[in-house]
Amino acid sequence: MQWCRMEDTIEFFAGVLDIRSPWAVSNVLRDGEGCRITVEIVFERSSGGDLGGHIHGYVDREWRHLDTCQYQTFLRARVPRIRRPDGTTTEVEVPWAERFSRVTKMMEARVIETLQMASNHSAAAKHLGMSRGQLDRIMERAVSRGLARREKSDIPHIGLDEKAMRRGHRYVSVMTDIDKGVVVDLVEGRTMEAADELWGCLTPGQRCSVEAVAMDMWPAYMASAWTWAPNADVVHDRFHVASHLGKAVDTVRKREHKKLMGTGDDSLKGTKYRWLRRWDDLRSAPVDFRTIYRSALETAKTWSYKEAFDCFWDYVSESWARKFFEGWYRSVIRTGIEPMKRVARMLKKHLPGLLAYTRHRITNATAEGLNSKIQTIRNNARGLPKFETFRIRVLFHCGGLDLRPAASHTN
């Protein structure tokens, strides 16, 4: 190891680090073999001013800083402990790092920037030469800062949705600000209690400002919304409705395919994903699929009813939308196709939430990029033992938060 005691070296680091009284750079240690620079900083007691008590000892602390050329750089200081008149003790806050952090504010800002750009958590840790645990702690502090800084502005359109966190029916409930395309918060579970906890994250003024809530037909979410935002309209998400209709088509296809195969007819074989096509795609569909669609198969009939319902979402008049639904419902009930009839009865039961779409053109898929990010985070978060870690990562990447460390004279 080589000690660099030259005044110009000390002045250089004091200048670039912007170390000011009562702190001063005392030494710079360069470890050539370990590619490490350690900048030692001392607290000048004579210029400390009013500390709110008397110095009751010192604690040795070290912080990781931005690299200097190819050298990892660390700041080291003996931080005074102050005993207050009431008998409690506390450490003097250093200007280059936040309390309880072991990286400087500059380094923390660089870590946040890298995490936002990195493909996954492990890649960021490898690039920065830090452990995943260190990055988790930095992300947690950043999210805490962001939530504390978040403006309590009105949120006219709320989204409530469930996401599968992992296998084994582990779900989380997610509340989103649809207009801004950001996650407000998320909690574990998809019960009414979970939804109530999400509504509790909003101020009374924000809850009063909610005009509509987009959600699926999950009773727990509906009951919670009626309790916490009684003046808001519940709008059932059109993509969840499409999912129910698509499952009805697939149920009919499976049943009919099994029946046809018993007679040696394999016309439905290998067509599972073709029935996911929309009406608009028929021009580019294979000839054999168009032939199947024109047939008298129940699968084709069920698919046509699924596609016909898509016109419901084009109506802007509630009365005309109601008339369309009543006609569609009567036609489905007369078909005798039980899977589609079950879906039709379910939709009729929740018709007010469907008709609310004519007044509020909102869905939970408005922010496609947001849903994609959450899915990516979920895929990259396999093996995470705690929900809180997943929550921190979602809010870090999708919360629209101001994550930067507090400004100081060192940055």
Protein backbone atom coordinates (compact mmCIF):
# COMPACT_ATOMS: atom_id res chain seq x y z
CA MET A 1 0.00 0.00 0.00
CA GLN A 2 1.11 3.53 -0.69
CA TRP A 3 0.05 6.58 1.28
CA CYS A 4 -0.43 9.73 -0.79
CA ARG A 5 0.12 12.65 1.56
CA MET A 6 0.85 15.30 -1.05
CA GLU A 7 -1.16 18.44 -0.52
CA ASP A 8 -2.23 18.61 -4.16
CA THR A 9 -3.73 15.08 -3.98
CA ILE A 10 -5.64 15.90 -0.82
CA GLU A 11 -6.86 19.17 -2.32
CA PHE A 12 -7.92 17.34 -5.49
CA PHE A 13 -10.18 14.88 -3.65
CA ALA A 14 -11.47 17.55 -1.28
CA GLY A 15 -12.46 19.58 -4.34
CA VAL A 16 -14.09 16.83 -6.43
CA LEU A 17 -15.93 15.47 -3.37
CA ASP A 18 -16.82 19.01 -2.24
CA ILE A 19 -15.83 18.26 1.36
CA ARG A 20 -16.50 21.32 3.51
CA SER A 21 -16.04 22.36 7.12
CA PRO A 22 -16.42 20.84 9.67
CA TRP A 23 -15.23 17.90 7.55
CA ALA A 24 -11.82 17.74 5.86
CA VAL A 25 -9.84 15.22 3.80
CA SER A 26 -6.88 14.04 5.86
CA ASN A 27 -5.34 11.22 3.79
CA VAL A 28 -5.69 9.34 0.50
CA LEU A 29 -4.74 5.67 0.45
CA ARG A 30 -4.10 3.93 -2.88
CA ASP A 31 -4.02 0.13 -3.07
CA GLY A 32 -2.54 -0.69 -6.47
CA GLU A 33 -3.00 -4.45 -6.22
CA GLY A 34 -6.60 -4.22 -5.08
CA CYS A 35 -7.38 -1.30 -7.43
CA ARG A 36 -8.83 0.63 -4.52
CA ILE A 37 -8.63 4.22 -3.32
CA THR A 38 -9.67 5.12 0.21
CA VAL A 39 -10.24 8.78 1.05
CA GLU A 40 -10.04 9.41 4.79
CA ILE A 41 -12.14 12.25 6.15
CA VAL A 42 -11.98 13.73 9.62
CA PHE A 43 -14.42 15.77 11.67
CA GLU A 44 -12.84 18.99 12.88
CA ARG A 45 -14.32 19.38 16.32
CA SER A 46 -13.35 23.02 16.69
CA SER A 47 -15.50 24.07 13.70
CA GLY A 48 -18.45 21.75 14.33
CA GLY A 49 -20.79 24.46 15.57
CA ASP A 50 -23.77 23.60 17.75
CA LEU A 51 -24.18 19.83 17.63
CA GLY A 52 -27.14 19.72 20.02
CA GLY A 53 -25.11 17.98 22.69
CA HIS A 54 -21.58 16.83 23.48
CA ILE A 55 -19.47 14.28 21.58
CA HIS A 56 -19.79 10.88 23.25
CA GLY A 57 -17.39 8.89 21.08
CA TYR A 58 -16.81 8.04 17.44
CA VAL A 59 -17.95 5.31 15.04
CA ASP A 60 -15.86 4.18 12.06
CA ARG A 61 -17.91 4.25 8.84
CA GLU A 62 -17.10 3.55 5.18
CA TRP A 63 -19.05 4.40 2.01
CA ARG A 64 -18.65 3.21 -1.57
CA HIS A 65 -18.23 6.11 -4.01
CA LEU A 66 -18.01 6.46 -7.78
CA ASP A 67 -14.93 4.85 -9.29
CA THR A 68 -11.82 6.98 -9.87
CA CYS A 69 -10.42 5.82 -13.21
CA GLN A 70 -10.05 2.03 -12.82
CA TYR A 71 -9.99 2.25 -9.00
CA GLN A 72 -12.95 1.53 -6.75
CA THR A 73 -13.21 4.50 -4.41
CA PHE A 74 -14.33 4.50 -0.80
CA LEU A 75 -14.79 7.27 1.74
CA ARG A 76 -13.84 6.51 5.34
CA ALA A 77 -14.61 8.67 8.36
CA ARG A 78 -14.85 8.55 12.13
CA VAL A 79 -18.35 9.87 12.71
CA PRO A 80 -19.01 11.55 16.08
CA ARG A 81 -21.78 10.27 18.32
CA ILE A 82 -23.67 13.05 20.11
CA ARG A 83 -25.31 12.67 23.50
CA ARG A 84 -28.30 14.98 23.80
CA PRO A 85 -29.44 16.60 27.04
CA ASP A 86 -32.29 14.06 27.29
CA GLY A 87 -29.76 11.22 27.41
CA THR A 88 -30.30 9.84 23.87
CA THR A 89 -27.42 9.47 21.44
CA THR A 90 -27.24 9.88 17.69
CA GLU A 91 -24.61 9.99 14.97
CA VAL A 92 -23.79 13.24 13.21
CA GLU A 93 -25.23 13.17 9.69
CA VAL A 94 -22.59 13.23 6.96
CA PRO A 95 -23.33 15.43 3.93
CA TRP A 96 -22.16 12.92 1.29
CA ALA A 97 -24.49 10.04 2.22
CA GLU A 98 -27.94 9.43 3.66
CA ARG A 99 -28.39 8.04 7.15
CA PHE A 100 -27.86 4.26 7.37
CA SER A 101 -26.59 4.13 3.78
CA ARG A 102 -23.20 2.60 2.98
CA VAL A 103 -22.87 4.28 -0.41
CA THR A 104 -22.52 7.97 -1.17
CA LYS A 105 -25.38 9.95 -2.68
CA MET A 106 -23.49 10.16 -5.99
CA MET A 107 -23.01 6.40 -6.04
CA GLU A 108 -26.63 5.81 -5.07
CA ALA A 109 -27.77 7.99 -7.97
CA ARG A 110 -25.55 5.99 -10.34
CA VAL A 111 -26.93 2.69 -8.98
CA ILE A 112 -30.52 3.88 -9.48
CA GLU A 113 -29.75 4.95 -13.04
CA THR A 114 -28.11 1.59 -13.79
CA LEU A 115 -30.99 -0.39 -12.28
CA GLN A 116 -33.46 1.52 -14.43
CA MET A 117 -31.54 0.64 -17.58
CA ALA A 118 -30.36 -2.89 -16.76
CA SER A 119 -32.16 -5.91 -18.18
CA ASN A 120 -32.37 -7.53 -14.75
CA HIS A 121 -31.19 -7.22 -11.16
CA SER A 122 -28.32 -9.69 -11.50
CA ALA A 123 -26.90 -7.91 -14.56
CA ALA A 124 -26.89 -4.59 -12.68
CA ALA A 125 -25.14 -6.15 -9.67
CA LYS A 126 -22.44 -7.66 -11.89
CA HIS A 127 -21.91 -4.40 -13.77
CA LEU A 128 -21.60 -2.35 -10.57
CA GLY A 129 -19.53 -4.90 -8.69
CA MET A 130 -22.03 -4.93 -5.84
CA SER A 131 -24.13 -7.64 -4.21
CA ARG A 132 -27.82 -8.08 -4.92
CA GLY A 133 -28.50 -7.40 -1.24
CA GLN A 134 -26.81 -3.99 -1.53
CA LEU A 135 -28.93 -3.14 -4.57
CA ASP A 136 -32.09 -4.26 -2.77
CA ARG A 137 -31.35 -1.90 0.12
CA ILE A 138 -30.68 0.99 -2.28
CA MET A 139 -33.94 0.28 -4.12
CA GLU A 140 -35.84 0.18 -0.83
CA ARG A 141 -34.48 3.58 0.24
CA ALA A 142 -35.21 5.01 -3.21
CA VAL A 143 -38.83 3.82 -3.15
CA SER A 144 -39.32 5.15 0.39
CA ARG A 145 -38.08 8.56 -0.79
CA GLY A 146 -40.30 8.44 -3.85
CA LEU A 147 -43.45 7.55 -1.92
CA ALA A 148 -42.76 10.35 0.59
CA ARG A 149 -42.35 12.84 -2.28
CA ARG A 150 -45.34 11.67 -4.33
CA GLU A 151 -47.91 14.41 -4.84
CA LYS A 152 -51.35 13.76 -3.41
CA SER A 153 -53.08 14.90 -6.59
CA ASP A 154 -56.51 13.78 -7.82
CA ILE A 155 -56.78 10.36 -9.49
CA PRO A 156 -59.97 10.35 -11.61
CA HIS A 157 -59.49 6.85 -13.03
CA ILE A 158 -58.27 3.97 -10.88
CA GLY A 159 -57.42 0.48 -12.07
CA LEU A 160 -57.71 -2.57 -9.77
CA ASP A 161 -56.24 -5.78 -11.07
CA GLU A 162 -54.71 -9.01 -9.87
CA LYS A 163 -51.34 -10.38 -10.93
CA ALA A 164 -49.96 -13.85 -10.33
CA MET A 165 -46.77 -13.45 -8.33
CA ARG A 166 -45.71 -17.07 -8.58
CA ARG A 167 -47.08 -20.57 -8.89
CA GLY A 168 -49.35 -21.99 -6.23
CA HIS A 169 -52.10 -19.37 -6.63
CA ARG A 170 -49.99 -16.61 -5.07
CA TYR A 171 -51.63 -13.37 -6.21
CA VAL A 172 -51.08 -9.68 -5.61
CA SER A 173 -53.60 -6.87 -6.00
CA VAL A 174 -52.37 -3.86 -7.95
CA MET A 175 -53.83 -0.35 -7.95
CA THR A 176 -52.89 1.87 -10.89
CA ASP A 177 -53.42 5.46 -11.91
CA ILE A 178 -54.78 4.81 -15.40
CA ASP A 179 -54.32 8.36 -16.71
CA LYS A 180 -50.66 8.58 -15.66
CA GLY A 181 -49.92 4.93 -16.35
CA VAL A 182 -48.20 4.31 -13.01
CA VAL A 183 -48.64 1.84 -10.16
CA VAL A 184 -50.06 3.48 -7.02
CA ASP A 185 -49.27 0.46 -4.82
CA LEU A 186 -49.70 -3.30 -4.53
CA VAL A 187 -50.49 -5.69 -1.69
CA GLU A 188 -50.40 -9.44 -1.28
CA GLY A 189 -53.62 -11.37 -1.91
CA ARG A 190 -56.80 -10.60 -3.85
CA THR A 191 -59.29 -10.44 -1.00
CA MET A 192 -61.53 -7.57 0.02
CA GLU A 193 -59.08 -6.84 2.85
CA ALA A 194 -56.27 -6.53 0.29
CA ALA A 195 -58.34 -4.12 -1.79
CA ASP A 196 -59.24 -2.13 1.35
CA GLU A 197 -55.54 -1.80 2.13
CA LEU A 198 -54.92 -0.36 -1.33
CA TRP A 199 -57.70 2.20 -0.95
CA GLY A 200 -56.15 3.14 2.39
CA CYS A 201 -53.02 4.26 0.53
CA LEU A 202 -55.02 7.19 -0.89
CA THR A 203 -55.95 10.33 0.99
CA PRO A 204 -59.65 11.10 1.62
CA GLY A 205 -59.41 13.83 -1.01
CA GLN A 206 -58.00 11.44 -3.59
CA ARG A 207 -60.73 8.88 -2.90
CA CYS A 208 -63.38 11.56 -3.38
CA SER A 209 -61.80 12.53 -6.72
CA VAL A 210 -62.17 9.04 -8.20
CA GLU A 211 -64.74 9.02 -11.01
CA ALA A 212 -64.40 5.44 -12.23
CA VAL A 213 -62.65 2.21 -11.27
CA ALA A 214 -61.70 -0.33 -13.94
CA MET A 215 -61.69 -3.94 -12.72
CA ASP A 216 -62.82 -7.44 -13.58
CA MET A 217 -65.97 -8.93 -12.07
CA TRP A 218 -64.26 -10.07 -8.86
CA PRO A 219 -66.79 -9.48 -6.00
CA ALA A 220 -64.09 -8.54 -3.46
CA TYR A 221 -62.83 -5.65 -5.61
CA MET A 222 -66.36 -4.45 -6.36
CA ALA A 223 -67.42 -4.45 -2.69
CA SER A 224 -64.27 -2.59 -1.67
CA ALA A 225 -64.73 0.05 -4.38
CA TRP A 226 -68.35 0.65 -3.34
CA THR A 227 -67.22 1.10 0.25
CA TRP A 228 -64.25 3.43 -0.32
CA ALA A 229 -65.39 5.32 -3.45
CA PRO A 230 -69.20 5.17 -3.37
CA ASN A 231 -69.57 7.97 -5.92
CA ALA A 232 -67.34 6.29 -8.49
CA ASP A 233 -68.58 4.07 -11.32
CA VAL A 234 -67.35 0.49 -11.51
CA VAL A 235 -66.24 -0.22 -15.09
CA HIS A 236 -65.67 -3.85 -15.96
CA ASP A 237 -62.51 -4.32 -17.95
CA ARG A 238 -63.23 -5.27 -21.56
CA PHE A 239 -60.14 -7.47 -21.82
CA HIS A 240 -61.31 -9.60 -18.90
CA VAL A 241 -64.67 -9.95 -20.65
CA ALA A 242 -62.87 -11.02 -23.83
CA SER A 243 -60.96 -13.57 -21.77
CA HIS A 244 -64.19 -15.14 -20.47
CA LEU A 245 -65.64 -15.29 -23.98
CA GLY A 246 -62.44 -16.81 -25.35
CA LYS A 247 -62.46 -19.50 -22.66
CA ALA A 248 -66.05 -20.38 -23.60
CA VAL A 249 -64.97 -20.87 -27.22
CA ASP A 250 -62.08 -23.08 -26.15
CA THR A 251 -64.33 -25.15 -23.87
CA VAL A 252 -66.75 -25.78 -26.75
CA ARG A 253 -63.85 -26.60 -29.10
CA LYS A 254 -62.42 -29.19 -26.72
CA ARG A 255 -65.78 -30.87 -26.21
CA GLU A 256 -66.65 -30.87 -29.89
CA HIS A 257 -63.19 -32.01 -30.99
CA LYS A 258 -63.45 -35.05 -28.69
CA LYS A 259 -66.88 -35.87 -30.12
CA LEU A 260 -65.71 -35.52 -33.74
CA MET A 261 -62.60 -37.60 -33.19
CA GLY A 262 -64.87 -40.42 -32.02
CA THR A 263 -66.37 -40.48 -35.51
CA GLY A 264 -63.03 -40.18 -37.31
CA ASP A 265 -63.45 -36.46 -38.09
CA ASP A 266 -60.27 -34.46 -37.28
CA SER A 267 -61.37 -31.14 -38.76
CA LEU A 268 -60.77 -29.33 -35.43
CA LYS A 269 -57.38 -30.88 -34.84
CA GLY A 270 -54.62 -28.27 -34.38
CA THR A 271 -57.05 -25.32 -34.53
CA LYS A 272 -56.78 -24.16 -30.90
CA TYR A 273 -54.86 -20.97 -31.60
CA ARG A 274 -56.72 -20.19 -34.83
CA TRP A 275 -59.85 -19.49 -32.79
CA LEU A 276 -57.95 -16.68 -31.11
CA ARG A 277 -58.15 -14.74 -34.37
CA ARG A 278 -60.39 -11.72 -34.64
CA TRP A 279 -62.99 -11.18 -37.33
CA ASP A 280 -60.70 -8.63 -38.98
CA ASP A 281 -58.03 -11.30 -39.45
CA LEU A 282 -60.15 -13.66 -41.53
CA ARG A 283 -58.81 -12.30 -44.83
CA SER A 284 -55.34 -13.51 -43.94
CA ALA A 285 -56.59 -16.75 -42.36
CA PRO A 286 -55.79 -20.12 -43.97
CA VAL A 287 -58.43 -21.42 -46.35
CA ASP A 288 -59.14 -24.47 -44.18
CA PHE A 289 -59.92 -22.26 -41.18
CA ARG A 290 -62.33 -20.13 -43.19
CA THR A 291 -64.04 -23.34 -44.29
CA ILE A 292 -64.36 -24.49 -40.67
CA TYR A 293 -65.72 -21.09 -39.65
CA ARG A 294 -68.47 -21.29 -42.31
CA SER A 295 -69.43 -24.78 -41.12
CA ALA A 296 -72.28 -25.66 -38.77
CA LEU A 297 -69.89 -26.59 -35.95
CA GLU A 298 -70.80 -25.34 -32.48
CA THR A 299 -67.24 -24.03 -32.13
CA ALA A 300 -67.70 -21.78 -35.14
CA LYS A 301 -71.06 -20.57 -33.86
CA THR A 302 -69.62 -19.83 -30.40
CA TRP A 303 -66.70 -17.97 -31.97
CA SER A 304 -69.09 -15.82 -34.02
CA TYR A 305 -70.98 -14.80 -30.85
CA LYS A 306 -67.70 -13.93 -29.17
CA GLU A 307 -66.74 -11.73 -32.11
CA ALA A 308 -70.19 -10.16 -32.32
CA PHE A 309 -69.95 -8.97 -28.71
CA ASP A 310 -66.90 -6.90 -29.62
CA CYS A 311 -69.27 -4.37 -31.22
CA PHE A 312 -70.64 -3.60 -27.74
CA TRP A 313 -67.52 -1.60 -26.89
CA ASP A 314 -68.05 0.80 -29.82
CA TYR A 315 -71.27 2.27 -28.42
CA VAL A 316 -71.13 5.68 -26.73
CA SER A 317 -74.84 5.73 -25.90
CA GLU A 318 -75.82 3.68 -22.88
CA SER A 319 -79.35 3.05 -24.17
CA TRP A 320 -78.11 1.73 -27.53
CA ALA A 321 -75.46 -0.36 -25.82
CA ARG A 322 -78.18 -1.87 -23.61
CA LYS A 323 -80.33 -2.67 -26.66
CA PHE A 324 -77.39 -4.34 -28.39
CA PHE A 325 -76.64 -6.44 -25.31
CA GLU A 326 -80.25 -7.55 -24.90
CA GLY A 327 -80.36 -8.71 -28.51
CA TRP A 328 -77.01 -10.49 -28.22
CA TYR A 329 -78.07 -12.10 -24.94
CA ARG A 330 -81.34 -13.46 -26.37
CA SER A 331 -79.50 -14.94 -29.34
CA VAL A 332 -76.93 -16.67 -27.12
CA ILE A 333 -79.55 -18.11 -24.75
CA ARG A 334 -81.47 -19.59 -27.71
CA THR A 335 -78.37 -21.40 -29.03
CA GLY A 336 -78.28 -24.01 -26.28
CA ILE A 337 -74.46 -23.77 -26.13
CA GLU A 338 -74.04 -23.99 -22.38
CA PRO A 339 -70.50 -22.55 -21.93
CA MET A 340 -71.46 -19.41 -23.84
CA LYS A 341 -74.80 -19.20 -22.04
CA ARG A 342 -72.98 -19.22 -18.69
CA VAL A 343 -70.82 -16.30 -19.80
CA ALA A 344 -73.87 -14.43 -21.12
CA ARG A 345 -75.68 -14.83 -17.79
CA MET A 346 -72.59 -13.61 -15.94
CA LEU A 347 -72.37 -10.53 -18.17
CA LYS A 348 -76.05 -9.78 -17.68
CA LYS A 349 -75.56 -9.94 -13.92
CA HIS A 350 -72.81 -7.32 -14.22
CA LEU A 351 -74.44 -5.25 -16.97
CA PRO A 352 -74.23 -1.90 -15.09
CA GLY A 353 -70.44 -2.25 -14.97
CA LEU A 354 -70.35 -3.01 -18.69
CA LEU A 355 -72.60 -0.07 -19.58
CA ALA A 356 -70.38 2.24 -17.51
CA TYR A 357 -67.79 1.84 -20.28
CA THR A 358 -69.92 4.13 -22.46
CA ARG A 359 -69.25 6.94 -19.96
CA HIS A 360 -65.66 6.11 -19.02
CA ARG A 361 -63.56 4.65 -21.82
CA ILE A 362 -61.04 3.05 -19.49
CA THR A 363 -59.50 -0.39 -19.16
CA ASN A 364 -56.76 -1.97 -17.08
CA ALA A 365 -54.73 -2.43 -20.25
CA THR A 366 -54.50 1.31 -21.07
CA ALA A 367 -50.83 1.35 -20.10
CA GLU A 368 -49.58 -1.63 -22.10
CA GLY A 369 -45.98 -0.78 -21.28
CA LEU A 370 -46.82 -0.86 -17.56
CA ASN A 371 -48.33 -4.35 -17.77
CA SER A 372 -45.34 -5.52 -19.77
CA LYS A 373 -42.94 -4.16 -17.14
CA ILE A 374 -44.77 -5.91 -14.30
CA GLN A 375 -44.71 -9.16 -16.26
CA THR A 376 -40.97 -8.78 -16.86
CA ILE A 377 -40.34 -8.02 -13.19
CA ARG A 378 -42.37 -11.08 -12.22
CA ASN A 379 -40.38 -13.28 -14.59
CA ASN A 380 -37.06 -11.91 -13.35
CA ALA A 381 -38.16 -12.18 -9.72
CA ARG A 382 -38.51 -15.96 -9.66
CA GLY A 383 -37.30 -17.33 -6.38
CA LEU A 384 -37.81 -14.13 -4.38
CA PRO A 385 -38.70 -15.27 -0.86
CA LYS A 386 -40.63 -12.14 0.14
CA PHE A 387 -43.53 -10.25 -1.37
CA GLU A 388 -42.07 -6.95 -0.10
CA THR A 389 -39.04 -7.38 -2.36
CA PHE A 390 -41.34 -7.84 -5.37
CA ARG A 391 -43.37 -4.78 -4.30
CA ILE A 392 -40.25 -2.62 -4.05
CA ARG A 393 -39.14 -3.64 -7.54
CA VAL A 394 -42.56 -2.95 -9.08
CA LEU A 395 -42.78 0.50 -7.47
CA PHE A 396 -39.16 1.22 -8.41
CA HIS A 397 -39.76 0.53 -12.10
CA CYS A 398 -43.49 1.30 -12.48
CA GLY A 399 -44.39 3.76 -9.72
CA GLY A 400 -43.39 6.94 -11.55
CA LEU A 401 -41.54 8.02 -8.41
CA ASP A 402 -38.78 10.57 -7.88
CA LEU A 403 -36.10 8.15 -6.70
CA ARG A 404 -33.07 10.44 -6.56
CA PRO A 405 -31.20 10.98 -3.31
CA ALA A 406 -31.73 14.27 -1.55
CA ALA A 407 -29.61 17.09 -2.94
CA SER A 408 -26.49 18.07 -1.04
CA HIS A 409 -23.34 20.02 -1.70
CA THR A 410 -21.57 16.76 -2.65
CA ASN A 411 -23.61 16.27 -5.79
